[in-house]
Amino acid sequence: MAQETRNAYGEKLAQLIVENPNIVVLDADLTKSTKTAEAKKACPERHLNAGIAEANMMGMAAGLAASGKTVFASSFAIFAAGRAFEIIRNSICYPHLNVKVCATHAGLSVGEDGASHQSIEDVAIMRALPNMRVYVPCDQYEAKAVIEHVANNDGPCYVRLGRGKVEDVYQEGHVFDFSKVDVLHQGSGKVVLFAMGLMVQEAIKAQKALLEKGIDATVVNVSCLKPLDEKGIEKLLSSHSLAFTLEEHNVIGGLYSAVSEVKGYTSVTTPIVPIGVYDTFGESGKAADVLKKYGLTAENVVNKVLEKI
């Protein structure tokens, strides 16, 4: 069943805030959109609305975490990772405080909100921060598993969540293993598709279409961008002739950069082809139309694979 990862976040957070009296939730006047309103309904005394003041919210989160709380702080990705960056860097990551920055409305799929709200740099920004862990769940069940994982592990985390509905990849009760990339389909060894977020679903569709053309591509979900499963990625690169990275993000600093960095550390020579946003801003339009224009569809993935082969 198609569901928004932000909805899954709201549902899981509402459960966790009841189970764990140490959890405090902060939001920047976007509780209905980020879905932290669910946690507010469940436990209003531990849900604080900081107003339209994201930097201040992160400072509040740092103070609460320094007092021993497990803090979830939410806003749109463009504000959480962008506007509040310096506070996250100096007040959360530098002292290694237990704050979970859960950012919704990431990527081009924000659609009609346009370039000003389509965060395509957030993974790059958060990956660059020492002590910060970065997660990009692909569906509702992985999102719930990731939220439970970060709640039970100390330290700063960034979780990237989407606005629109995405089809299920996993099932209820999915167990998240941050230490390994997840090979969803093992192909013949020629082509490997590394994907994150909603591009995982496009990779699965592309794999099925390519199979009809005689190409059995491997599909890999990379939902933990930091710490990255470097050994797993190296093994997959070395066992395939051609690699592609699929991301709803700027190819600079995102998944393409992460996989390329692994290649750079090793003697692997497998070519890596990026499919993502090529150092440009998005534009306003229906999410599906914007994604199609920027080539973030299974159809474009298939065409790119055939072109490169």
C-alpha atoms as a PDB file:
ATOM      1  CA  MET A   1       0.000   0.000   0.000  1.00  0.00           C
ATOM      2  CA  ALA A   2       1.386   3.405  -0.960  1.00  0.00           C
ATOM      3  CA  GLN A   3       2.187   5.630   2.015  1.00  0.00           C
ATOM      4  CA  GLU A   4       4.253   8.717   2.789  1.00  0.00           C
ATOM      5  CA  THR A   5       7.436   8.133   4.783  1.00  0.00           C
ATOM      6  CA  ARG A   6       6.542  11.252   6.808  1.00  0.00           C
ATOM      7  CA  ASN A   7       3.272   9.560   7.821  1.00  0.00           C
ATOM      8  CA  ALA A   8       5.192   6.492   8.943  1.00  0.00           C
ATOM      9  CA  TYR A   9       7.465   8.783  10.964  1.00  0.00           C
ATOM     10  CA  GLY A  10       4.475  10.370  12.700  1.00  0.00           C
ATOM     11  CA  GLU A  11       2.934   7.008  13.540  1.00  0.00           C
ATOM     12  CA  LYS A  12       6.161   5.554  14.913  1.00  0.00           C
ATOM     13  CA  LEU A  13       7.014   8.672  16.888  1.00  0.00           C
ATOM     14  CA  ALA A  14       3.580   8.650  18.507  1.00  0.00           C
ATOM     15  CA  GLN A  15       4.250   5.094  19.644  1.00  0.00           C
ATOM     16  CA  LEU A  16       7.776   5.775  20.881  1.00  0.00           C
ATOM     17  CA  ILE A  17       6.930   8.920  22.842  1.00  0.00           C
ATOM     18  CA  VAL A  18       4.445   6.884  24.915  1.00  0.00           C
ATOM     19  CA  GLU A  19       6.843   3.970  25.401  1.00  0.00           C
ATOM     20  CA  ASN A  20       9.894   6.091  26.234  1.00  0.00           C
ATOM     21  CA  PRO A  21       9.386   8.897  28.792  1.00  0.00           C
ATOM     22  CA  ASN A  22      12.795  10.303  27.885  1.00  0.00           C
ATOM     23  CA  ILE A  23      11.743  11.343  24.365  1.00  0.00           C
ATOM     24  CA  VAL A  24      10.939  14.993  23.636  1.00  0.00           C
ATOM     25  CA  VAL A  25       9.667  16.182  20.247  1.00  0.00           C
ATOM     26  CA  LEU A  26      10.253  19.631  18.785  1.00  0.00           C
ATOM     27  CA  ASP A  27       8.712  21.155  15.676  1.00  0.00           C
ATOM     28  CA  ALA A  28       8.949  24.485  13.856  1.00  0.00           C
ATOM     29  CA  ASP A  29       5.253  25.267  13.395  1.00  0.00           C
ATOM     30  CA  LEU A  30       4.788  22.491  10.825  1.00  0.00           C
ATOM     31  CA  THR A  31       3.336  19.765  13.028  1.00  0.00           C
ATOM     32  CA  LYS A  32       0.583  18.768  10.593  1.00  0.00           C
ATOM     33  CA  SER A  33       2.971  18.605   7.642  1.00  0.00           C
ATOM     34  CA  THR A  34       5.843  16.823   9.395  1.00  0.00           C
ATOM     35  CA  LYS A  35       3.292  14.575  11.159  1.00  0.00           C
ATOM     36  CA  THR A  36       4.720  15.214  14.629  1.00  0.00           C
ATOM     37  CA  ALA A  37       1.144  16.226  15.461  1.00  0.00           C
ATOM     38  CA  GLU A  38       0.622  12.512  16.099  1.00  0.00           C
ATOM     39  CA  ALA A  39       3.180  12.602  18.915  1.00  0.00           C
ATOM     40  CA  LYS A  40       1.556  15.767  20.256  1.00  0.00           C
ATOM     41  CA  LYS A  41      -1.802  13.983  20.477  1.00  0.00           C
ATOM     42  CA  ALA A  42      -0.186  11.048  22.254  1.00  0.00           C
ATOM     43  CA  CYS A  43       1.874  13.086  24.712  1.00  0.00           C
ATOM     44  CA  PRO A  44       1.288  16.872  24.516  1.00  0.00           C
ATOM     45  CA  GLU A  45       3.488  17.684  27.527  1.00  0.00           C
ATOM     46  CA  ARG A  46       6.593  16.424  25.667  1.00  0.00           C
ATOM     47  CA  HIS A  47       5.872  18.081  22.335  1.00  0.00           C
ATOM     48  CA  LEU A  48       7.151  21.644  21.962  1.00  0.00           C
ATOM     49  CA  ASN A  49       6.400  23.977  19.065  1.00  0.00           C
ATOM     50  CA  ALA A  50       9.343  26.364  18.578  1.00  0.00           C
ATOM     51  CA  GLY A  51       7.493  28.406  15.984  1.00  0.00           C
ATOM     52  CA  ILE A  52       8.981  29.497  12.677  1.00  0.00           C
ATOM     53  CA  ALA A  53      12.470  29.584  14.182  1.00  0.00           C
ATOM     54  CA  GLU A  54      14.392  26.506  13.077  1.00  0.00           C
ATOM     55  CA  ALA A  55      17.784  27.620  14.368  1.00  0.00           C
ATOM     56  CA  ASN A  56      16.293  28.355  17.756  1.00  0.00           C
ATOM     57  CA  MET A  57      14.578  24.962  17.708  1.00  0.00           C
ATOM     58  CA  MET A  58      17.925  23.209  17.191  1.00  0.00           C
ATOM     59  CA  GLY A  59      19.368  25.184  20.090  1.00  0.00           C
ATOM     60  CA  MET A  60      16.459  24.049  22.254  1.00  0.00           C
ATOM     61  CA  ALA A  61      17.066  20.475  21.078  1.00  0.00           C
ATOM     62  CA  ALA A  62      20.729  20.738  22.050  1.00  0.00           C
ATOM     63  CA  GLY A  63      19.847  21.993  25.522  1.00  0.00           C
ATOM     64  CA  LEU A  64      17.329  19.229  26.109  1.00  0.00           C
ATOM     65  CA  ALA A  65      19.765  16.600  24.852  1.00  0.00           C
ATOM     66  CA  ALA A  66      22.505  17.997  27.107  1.00  0.00           C
ATOM     67  CA  SER A  67      20.047  17.450  29.959  1.00  0.00           C
ATOM     68  CA  GLY A  68      19.779  13.781  29.068  1.00  0.00           C
ATOM     69  CA  LYS A  69      16.743  13.759  26.784  1.00  0.00           C
ATOM     70  CA  THR A  70      16.375  11.942  23.464  1.00  0.00           C
ATOM     71  CA  VAL A  71      15.213  14.721  21.164  1.00  0.00           C
ATOM     72  CA  PHE A  72      13.434  14.526  17.808  1.00  0.00           C
ATOM     73  CA  ALA A  73      13.477  17.861  15.951  1.00  0.00           C
ATOM     74  CA  SER A  74      11.478  18.248  12.753  1.00  0.00           C
ATOM     75  CA  SER A  75      10.914  20.714   9.952  1.00  0.00           C
ATOM     76  CA  PHE A  76      11.059  20.691   6.161  1.00  0.00           C
ATOM     77  CA  ALA A  77      14.439  19.507   4.884  1.00  0.00           C
ATOM     78  CA  ILE A  78      15.275  22.876   3.319  1.00  0.00           C
ATOM     79  CA  PHE A  79      14.970  24.545   6.730  1.00  0.00           C
ATOM     80  CA  ALA A  80      16.220  21.747   8.982  1.00  0.00           C
ATOM     81  CA  ALA A  81      19.410  21.083   7.018  1.00  0.00           C
ATOM     82  CA  GLY A  82      19.803  24.542   5.512  1.00  0.00           C
ATOM     83  CA  ARG A  83      18.611  27.348   7.755  1.00  0.00           C
ATOM     84  CA  ALA A  84      19.639  25.587  10.967  1.00  0.00           C
ATOM     85  CA  PHE A  85      22.967  24.209   9.717  1.00  0.00           C
ATOM     86  CA  GLU A  86      25.316  26.210  11.938  1.00  0.00           C
ATOM     87  CA  ILE A  87      23.411  25.356  15.105  1.00  0.00           C
ATOM     88  CA  ILE A  88      23.344  21.672  14.171  1.00  0.00           C
ATOM     89  CA  ARG A  89      27.083  21.810  13.507  1.00  0.00           C
ATOM     90  CA  ASN A  90      28.234  23.654  16.620  1.00  0.00           C
ATOM     91  CA  SER A  91      25.551  22.854  19.192  1.00  0.00           C
ATOM     92  CA  ILE A  92      24.606  19.274  18.270  1.00  0.00           C
ATOM     93  CA  CYS A  93      27.341  17.534  16.276  1.00  0.00           C
ATOM     94  CA  TYR A  94      30.392  19.116  17.915  1.00  0.00           C
ATOM     95  CA  PRO A  95      29.344  18.041  21.443  1.00  0.00           C
ATOM     96  CA  HIS A  96      27.846  14.806  20.055  1.00  0.00           C
ATOM     97  CA  LEU A  97      24.372  15.307  21.517  1.00  0.00           C
ATOM     98  CA  ASN A  98      21.444  12.929  21.206  1.00  0.00           C
ATOM     99  CA  VAL A  99      19.330  14.856  18.692  1.00  0.00           C
ATOM    100  CA  LYS A 100      17.477  13.250  15.791  1.00  0.00           C
ATOM    101  CA  VAL A 101      16.871  15.744  12.990  1.00  0.00           C
ATOM    102  CA  CYS A 102      13.948  14.228  11.074  1.00  0.00           C
ATOM    103  CA  ALA A 103      13.380  16.333   7.985  1.00  0.00           C
ATOM    104  CA  THR A 104      10.343  15.944   5.749  1.00  0.00           C
ATOM    105  CA  HIS A 105       9.466  17.328   2.289  1.00  0.00           C
ATOM    106  CA  ALA A 106      12.906  16.543   0.867  1.00  0.00           C
ATOM    107  CA  GLY A 107      13.812  16.491  -2.822  1.00  0.00           C
ATOM    108  CA  LEU A 108      12.055  17.456  -6.048  1.00  0.00           C
ATOM    109  CA  SER A 109       8.938  15.512  -5.054  1.00  0.00           C
ATOM    110  CA  VAL A 110       7.840  18.505  -2.976  1.00  0.00           C
ATOM    111  CA  GLY A 111       6.545  19.508  -6.397  1.00  0.00           C
ATOM    112  CA  GLU A 112       4.422  22.651  -6.471  1.00  0.00           C
ATOM    113  CA  ASP A 113       6.360  24.289  -3.617  1.00  0.00           C
ATOM    114  CA  GLY A 114       9.117  24.924  -6.155  1.00  0.00           C
ATOM    115  CA  ALA A 115      12.876  25.316  -6.049  1.00  0.00           C
ATOM    116  CA  SER A 116      12.911  27.318  -2.818  1.00  0.00           C
ATOM    117  CA  HIS A 117      11.519  24.316  -0.931  1.00  0.00           C
ATOM    118  CA  GLN A 118      12.942  21.427  -2.956  1.00  0.00           C
ATOM    119  CA  SER A 119      15.945  20.473  -0.860  1.00  0.00           C
ATOM    120  CA  ILE A 120      18.432  18.685  -3.101  1.00  0.00           C
ATOM    121  CA  GLU A 121      21.524  19.460  -1.008  1.00  0.00           C
ATOM    122  CA  ASP A 122      20.543  18.197   2.440  1.00  0.00           C
ATOM    123  CA  VAL A 123      22.254  14.796   2.287  1.00  0.00           C
ATOM    124  CA  ALA A 124      25.489  16.444   1.137  1.00  0.00           C
ATOM    125  CA  ILE A 125      25.324  18.977   3.970  1.00  0.00           C
ATOM    126  CA  MET A 126      24.567  16.416   6.660  1.00  0.00           C
ATOM    127  CA  ARG A 127      27.083  13.841   5.360  1.00  0.00           C
ATOM    128  CA  ALA A 128      29.829  16.418   5.714  1.00  0.00           C
ATOM    129  CA  LEU A 129      29.198  16.921   9.435  1.00  0.00           C
ATOM    130  CA  PRO A 130      31.432  14.965  11.821  1.00  0.00           C
ATOM    131  CA  ASN A 131      29.440  12.741  14.234  1.00  0.00           C
ATOM    132  CA  MET A 132      26.284  12.956  12.106  1.00  0.00           C
ATOM    133  CA  ARG A 133      24.646   9.761  10.818  1.00  0.00           C
ATOM    134  CA  VAL A 134      22.456   9.999   7.712  1.00  0.00           C
ATOM    135  CA  TYR A 135      19.474   7.814   6.775  1.00  0.00           C
ATOM    136  CA  VAL A 136      17.160   7.860   3.741  1.00  0.00           C
ATOM    137  CA  PRO A 137      14.382   5.262   4.138  1.00  0.00           C
ATOM    138  CA  CYS A 138      12.596   4.205   0.953  1.00  0.00           C
ATOM    139  CA  ASP A 139       9.136   3.260   2.240  1.00  0.00           C
ATOM    140  CA  GLN A 140       6.848   3.360   5.277  1.00  0.00           C
ATOM    141  CA  TYR A 141       8.163   0.182   6.863  1.00  0.00           C
ATOM    142  CA  GLU A 142      11.806   1.104   6.506  1.00  0.00           C
ATOM    143  CA  ALA A 143      10.993   4.585   7.823  1.00  0.00           C
ATOM    144  CA  LYS A 144       9.470   3.107  10.979  1.00  0.00           C
ATOM    145  CA  ALA A 145      12.433   0.789  11.430  1.00  0.00           C
ATOM    146  CA  VAL A 146      14.892   3.659  10.976  1.00  0.00           C
ATOM    147  CA  ILE A 147      13.076   5.842  13.513  1.00  0.00           C
ATOM    148  CA  GLU A 148      13.162   3.019  16.066  1.00  0.00           C
ATOM    149  CA  HIS A 149      16.861   2.492  15.293  1.00  0.00           C
ATOM    150  CA  VAL A 150      17.830   6.140  15.825  1.00  0.00           C
ATOM    151  CA  ALA A 151      15.697   6.359  18.984  1.00  0.00           C
ATOM    152  CA  ASN A 152      17.678   3.488  20.500  1.00  0.00           C
ATOM    153  CA  ASN A 153      21.139   4.683  19.468  1.00  0.00           C
ATOM    154  CA  ASP A 154      22.883   7.659  21.017  1.00  0.00           C
ATOM    155  CA  GLY A 155      24.155  10.588  18.976  1.00  0.00           C
ATOM    156  CA  PRO A 156      23.180  13.003  16.203  1.00  0.00           C
ATOM    157  CA  CYS A 157      21.157  11.585  13.302  1.00  0.00           C
ATOM    158  CA  TYR A 158      19.606  13.010  10.160  1.00  0.00           C
ATOM    159  CA  VAL A 159      16.603  11.183   8.690  1.00  0.00           C
ATOM    160  CA  ARG A 160      15.391  12.274   5.245  1.00  0.00           C
ATOM    161  CA  LEU A 161      11.654  11.836   4.694  1.00  0.00           C
ATOM    162  CA  GLY A 162       9.340  12.499   1.756  1.00  0.00           C
ATOM    163  CA  ARG A 163       6.096  14.325   1.169  1.00  0.00           C
ATOM    164  CA  GLY A 164       4.422  12.039  -1.357  1.00  0.00           C
ATOM    165  CA  LYS A 165       3.199   8.472  -1.229  1.00  0.00           C
ATOM    166  CA  VAL A 166       5.623   5.709  -2.228  1.00  0.00           C
ATOM    167  CA  GLU A 167       4.904   2.047  -2.863  1.00  0.00           C
ATOM    168  CA  ASP A 168       5.945  -0.533  -0.286  1.00  0.00           C
ATOM    169  CA  VAL A 169       9.286  -2.247  -0.759  1.00  0.00           C
ATOM    170  CA  TYR A 170       9.309  -4.009   2.601  1.00  0.00           C
ATOM    171  CA  GLN A 171       6.676  -5.506   4.892  1.00  0.00           C
ATOM    172  CA  GLU A 172       5.404  -4.754   8.382  1.00  0.00           C
ATOM    173  CA  GLY A 173       8.034  -5.591  10.984  1.00  0.00           C
ATOM    174  CA  HIS A 174      10.986  -4.941   8.683  1.00  0.00           C
ATOM    175  CA  VAL A 175      14.277  -5.090  10.616  1.00  0.00           C
ATOM    176  CA  PHE A 176      16.707  -2.332   9.648  1.00  0.00           C
ATOM    177  CA  ASP A 177      20.430  -3.122   9.532  1.00  0.00           C
ATOM    178  CA  PHE A 178      22.355   0.135   9.183  1.00  0.00           C
ATOM    179  CA  SER A 179      25.651  -1.700   8.710  1.00  0.00           C
ATOM    180  CA  LYS A 180      24.753  -3.223   5.328  1.00  0.00           C
ATOM    181  CA  VAL A 181      23.379  -2.061   2.008  1.00  0.00           C
ATOM    182  CA  ASP A 182      20.356  -4.160   1.094  1.00  0.00           C
ATOM    183  CA  VAL A 183      20.523  -6.156  -2.140  1.00  0.00           C
ATOM    184  CA  LEU A 184      16.860  -6.335  -3.144  1.00  0.00           C
ATOM    185  CA  HIS A 185      17.580  -8.301  -6.305  1.00  0.00           C
ATOM    186  CA  GLN A 186      20.802 -10.084  -7.268  1.00  0.00           C
ATOM    187  CA  GLY A 187      21.342  -9.845 -11.004  1.00  0.00           C
ATOM    188  CA  SER A 188      23.712 -11.518 -13.411  1.00  0.00           C
ATOM    189  CA  GLY A 189      26.720  -9.362 -12.575  1.00  0.00           C
ATOM    190  CA  LYS A 190      26.704  -6.909 -15.453  1.00  0.00           C
ATOM    191  CA  VAL A 191      24.718  -3.912 -14.141  1.00  0.00           C
ATOM    192  CA  VAL A 192      24.135  -2.759 -10.562  1.00  0.00           C
ATOM    193  CA  LEU A 193      21.651  -0.043  -9.604  1.00  0.00           C
ATOM    194  CA  PHE A 194      22.378   1.726  -6.292  1.00  0.00           C
ATOM    195  CA  ALA A 195      19.330   3.720  -5.165  1.00  0.00           C
ATOM    196  CA  MET A 196      18.152   5.749  -2.192  1.00  0.00           C
ATOM    197  CA  GLY A 197      14.750   7.024  -1.106  1.00  0.00           C
ATOM    198  CA  LEU A 198      11.931   6.999  -3.647  1.00  0.00           C
ATOM    199  CA  MET A 199      14.402   6.057  -6.394  1.00  0.00           C
ATOM    200  CA  VAL A 200      14.495   2.538  -4.926  1.00  0.00           C
ATOM    201  CA  GLN A 201      10.991   1.973  -6.296  1.00  0.00           C
ATOM    202  CA  GLU A 202      12.098   3.301  -9.696  1.00  0.00           C
ATOM    203  CA  ALA A 203      15.104   0.972  -9.632  1.00  0.00           C
ATOM    204  CA  ILE A 204      12.809  -1.998  -9.002  1.00  0.00           C
ATOM    205  CA  LYS A 205      10.588  -0.991 -11.929  1.00  0.00           C
ATOM    206  CA  ALA A 206      13.645  -0.471 -14.130  1.00  0.00           C
ATOM    207  CA  GLN A 207      15.010  -3.901 -13.201  1.00  0.00           C
ATOM    208  CA  LYS A 208      11.810  -5.563 -14.370  1.00  0.00           C
ATOM    209  CA  ALA A 209      11.804  -3.608 -17.636  1.00  0.00           C
ATOM    210  CA  LEU A 210      15.482  -4.357 -18.269  1.00  0.00           C
ATOM    211  CA  LEU A 211      14.909  -8.059 -17.636  1.00  0.00           C
ATOM    212  CA  GLU A 212      12.478  -8.082 -20.552  1.00  0.00           C
ATOM    213  CA  LYS A 213      15.348  -6.810 -22.692  1.00  0.00           C
ATOM    214  CA  GLY A 214      17.687  -9.534 -21.487  1.00  0.00           C
ATOM    215  CA  ILE A 215      19.527  -7.479 -18.863  1.00  0.00           C
ATOM    216  CA  ASP A 216      19.326  -8.800 -15.302  1.00  0.00           C
ATOM    217  CA  ALA A 217      20.351  -5.826 -13.157  1.00  0.00           C
ATOM    218  CA  THR A 218      21.175  -5.980  -9.459  1.00  0.00           C
ATOM    219  CA  VAL A 219      19.115  -3.576  -7.306  1.00  0.00           C
ATOM    220  CA  VAL A 220      20.587  -2.186  -4.084  1.00  0.00           C
ATOM    221  CA  ASN A 221      18.877  -0.023  -1.472  1.00  0.00           C
ATOM    222  CA  VAL A 222      21.382   2.339   0.166  1.00  0.00           C
ATOM    223  CA  SER A 223      19.351   3.745   3.054  1.00  0.00           C
ATOM    224  CA  CYS A 224      22.257   4.480   5.398  1.00  0.00           C
ATOM    225  CA  LEU A 225      24.477   7.060   3.708  1.00  0.00           C
ATOM    226  CA  LYS A 226      26.632   7.525   6.791  1.00  0.00           C
ATOM    227  CA  PRO A 227      28.149   5.371   8.154  1.00  0.00           C
ATOM    228  CA  LEU A 228      28.310   3.802   4.711  1.00  0.00           C
ATOM    229  CA  ASP A 229      28.714   0.080   4.092  1.00  0.00           C
ATOM    230  CA  GLU A 230      31.951   0.598   2.175  1.00  0.00           C
ATOM    231  CA  LYS A 231      32.879  -3.085   2.052  1.00  0.00           C
ATOM    232  CA  GLY A 232      29.470  -4.028   0.716  1.00  0.00           C
ATOM    233  CA  ILE A 233      29.586  -1.347  -1.965  1.00  0.00           C
ATOM    234  CA  GLU A 234      33.160  -2.266  -2.933  1.00  0.00           C
ATOM    235  CA  LYS A 235      32.133  -5.909  -3.310  1.00  0.00           C
ATOM    236  CA  LEU A 236      29.159  -4.982  -5.496  1.00  0.00           C
ATOM    237  CA  LEU A 237      31.226  -2.632  -7.639  1.00  0.00           C
ATOM    238  CA  SER A 238      33.968  -5.198  -8.147  1.00  0.00           C
ATOM    239  CA  SER A 239      31.462  -7.905  -9.122  1.00  0.00           C
ATOM    240  CA  HIS A 240      29.670  -5.825 -11.765  1.00  0.00           C
ATOM    241  CA  SER A 241      30.778  -4.280 -15.057  1.00  0.00           C
ATOM    242  CA  LEU A 242      28.729  -1.084 -14.822  1.00  0.00           C
ATOM    243  CA  ALA A 243      27.165   0.807 -11.900  1.00  0.00           C
ATOM    244  CA  PHE A 244      24.449   3.454 -11.676  1.00  0.00           C
ATOM    245  CA  THR A 245      23.432   5.644  -8.745  1.00  0.00           C
ATOM    246  CA  LEU A 246      19.798   6.783  -8.502  1.00  0.00           C
ATOM    247  CA  GLU A 247      18.904   9.686  -6.219  1.00  0.00           C
ATOM    248  CA  GLU A 248      16.376  12.479  -5.768  1.00  0.00           C
ATOM    249  CA  HIS A 249      19.261  14.766  -4.826  1.00  0.00           C
ATOM    250  CA  ASN A 250      22.108  16.685  -6.362  1.00  0.00           C
ATOM    251  CA  VAL A 251      24.648  14.203  -7.712  1.00  0.00           C
ATOM    252  CA  ILE A 252      27.267  16.376  -5.981  1.00  0.00           C
ATOM    253  CA  GLY A 253      27.547  15.243  -2.370  1.00  0.00           C
ATOM    254  CA  GLY A 254      24.797  12.630  -2.419  1.00  0.00           C
ATOM    255  CA  LEU A 255      24.670   8.951  -3.311  1.00  0.00           C
ATOM    256  CA  TYR A 256      26.815   9.275  -6.434  1.00  0.00           C
ATOM    257  CA  SER A 257      29.516  11.007  -4.420  1.00  0.00           C
ATOM    258  CA  ALA A 258      29.298   8.436  -1.630  1.00  0.00           C
ATOM    259  CA  VAL A 259      29.656   5.454  -3.977  1.00  0.00           C
ATOM    260  CA  SER A 260      32.392   7.218  -5.963  1.00  0.00           C
ATOM    261  CA  GLU A 261      34.315   7.872  -2.749  1.00  0.00           C
ATOM    262  CA  VAL A 262      34.293   4.141  -2.029  1.00  0.00           C
ATOM    263  CA  LYS A 263      35.609   3.482  -5.514  1.00  0.00           C
ATOM    264  CA  GLY A 264      38.339   6.069  -4.956  1.00  0.00           C
ATOM    265  CA  TYR A 265      39.547   4.316  -1.814  1.00  0.00           C
ATOM    266  CA  THR A 266      39.990   1.018  -3.661  1.00  0.00           C
ATOM    267  CA  SER A 267      41.415  -0.452  -6.861  1.00  0.00           C
ATOM    268  CA  VAL A 268      37.933  -0.981  -8.329  1.00  0.00           C
ATOM    269  CA  THR A 269      37.639   0.295 -11.902  1.00  0.00           C
ATOM    270  CA  THR A 270      33.904  -0.181 -12.526  1.00  0.00           C
ATOM    271  CA  PRO A 271      32.397   2.933 -14.203  1.00  0.00           C
ATOM    272  CA  ILE A 272      29.693   4.700 -12.161  1.00  0.00           C
ATOM    273  CA  VAL A 273      26.942   6.624 -13.969  1.00  0.00           C
ATOM    274  CA  PRO A 274      24.934   9.145 -11.911  1.00  0.00           C
ATOM    275  CA  ILE A 275      21.187   9.573 -12.303  1.00  0.00           C
ATOM    276  CA  GLY A 276      19.988  12.479 -10.212  1.00  0.00           C
ATOM    277  CA  VAL A 277      19.859  16.262 -10.198  1.00  0.00           C
ATOM    278  CA  TYR A 278      22.807  17.661 -12.144  1.00  0.00           C
ATOM    279  CA  ASP A 279      23.899  20.731 -10.166  1.00  0.00           C
ATOM    280  CA  THR A 280      20.756  22.734 -10.865  1.00  0.00           C
ATOM    281  CA  PHE A 281      17.651  23.876  -9.040  1.00  0.00           C
ATOM    282  CA  GLY A 282      14.230  22.316  -9.462  1.00  0.00           C
ATOM    283  CA  GLU A 283      11.027  24.070 -10.451  1.00  0.00           C
ATOM    284  CA  SER A 284       7.359  24.171  -9.531  1.00  0.00           C
ATOM    285  CA  GLY A 285       5.016  21.532 -10.904  1.00  0.00           C
ATOM    286  CA  LYS A 286       3.227  18.338 -10.013  1.00  0.00           C
ATOM    287  CA  ALA A 287       5.684  15.980  -8.352  1.00  0.00           C
ATOM    288  CA  ALA A 288       5.396  13.308 -11.040  1.00  0.00           C
ATOM    289  CA  ASP A 289       5.974  15.866 -13.790  1.00  0.00           C
ATOM    290  CA  VAL A 290       9.002  17.392 -12.082  1.00  0.00           C
ATOM    291  CA  LEU A 291      10.560  13.990 -11.449  1.00  0.00           C
ATOM    292  CA  LYS A 292       9.984  13.039 -15.076  1.00  0.00           C
ATOM    293  CA  LYS A 293      11.519  16.273 -16.382  1.00  0.00           C
ATOM    294  CA  TYR A 294      14.663  15.682 -14.334  1.00  0.00           C
ATOM    295  CA  GLY A 295      14.954  12.066 -15.428  1.00  0.00           C
ATOM    296  CA  LEU A 296      14.085  10.486 -12.085  1.00  0.00           C
ATOM    297  CA  THR A 297      11.910   7.739 -13.537  1.00  0.00           C
ATOM    298  CA  ALA A 298      12.293   4.033 -14.260  1.00  0.00           C
ATOM    299  CA  GLU A 299      11.928   4.790 -17.980  1.00  0.00           C
ATOM    300  CA  ASN A 300      14.944   7.097 -17.933  1.00  0.00           C
ATOM    301  CA  VAL A 301      16.943   4.582 -15.899  1.00  0.00           C
ATOM    302  CA  VAL A 302      16.255   1.915 -18.518  1.00  0.00           C
ATOM    303  CA  ASN A 303      17.253   4.283 -21.331  1.00  0.00           C
ATOM    304  CA  LYS A 304      20.470   5.257 -19.546  1.00  0.00           C
ATOM    305  CA  VAL A 305      21.422   1.635 -18.966  1.00  0.00           C
ATOM    306  CA  LEU A 306      20.797   0.712 -22.599  1.00  0.00           C
ATOM    307  CA  GLU A 307      22.711   3.775 -23.762  1.00  0.00           C
ATOM    308  CA  LYS A 308      25.767   3.001 -21.629  1.00  0.00           C
ATOM    309  CA  ILE A 309      25.765  -0.709 -22.425  1.00  0.00           C
END
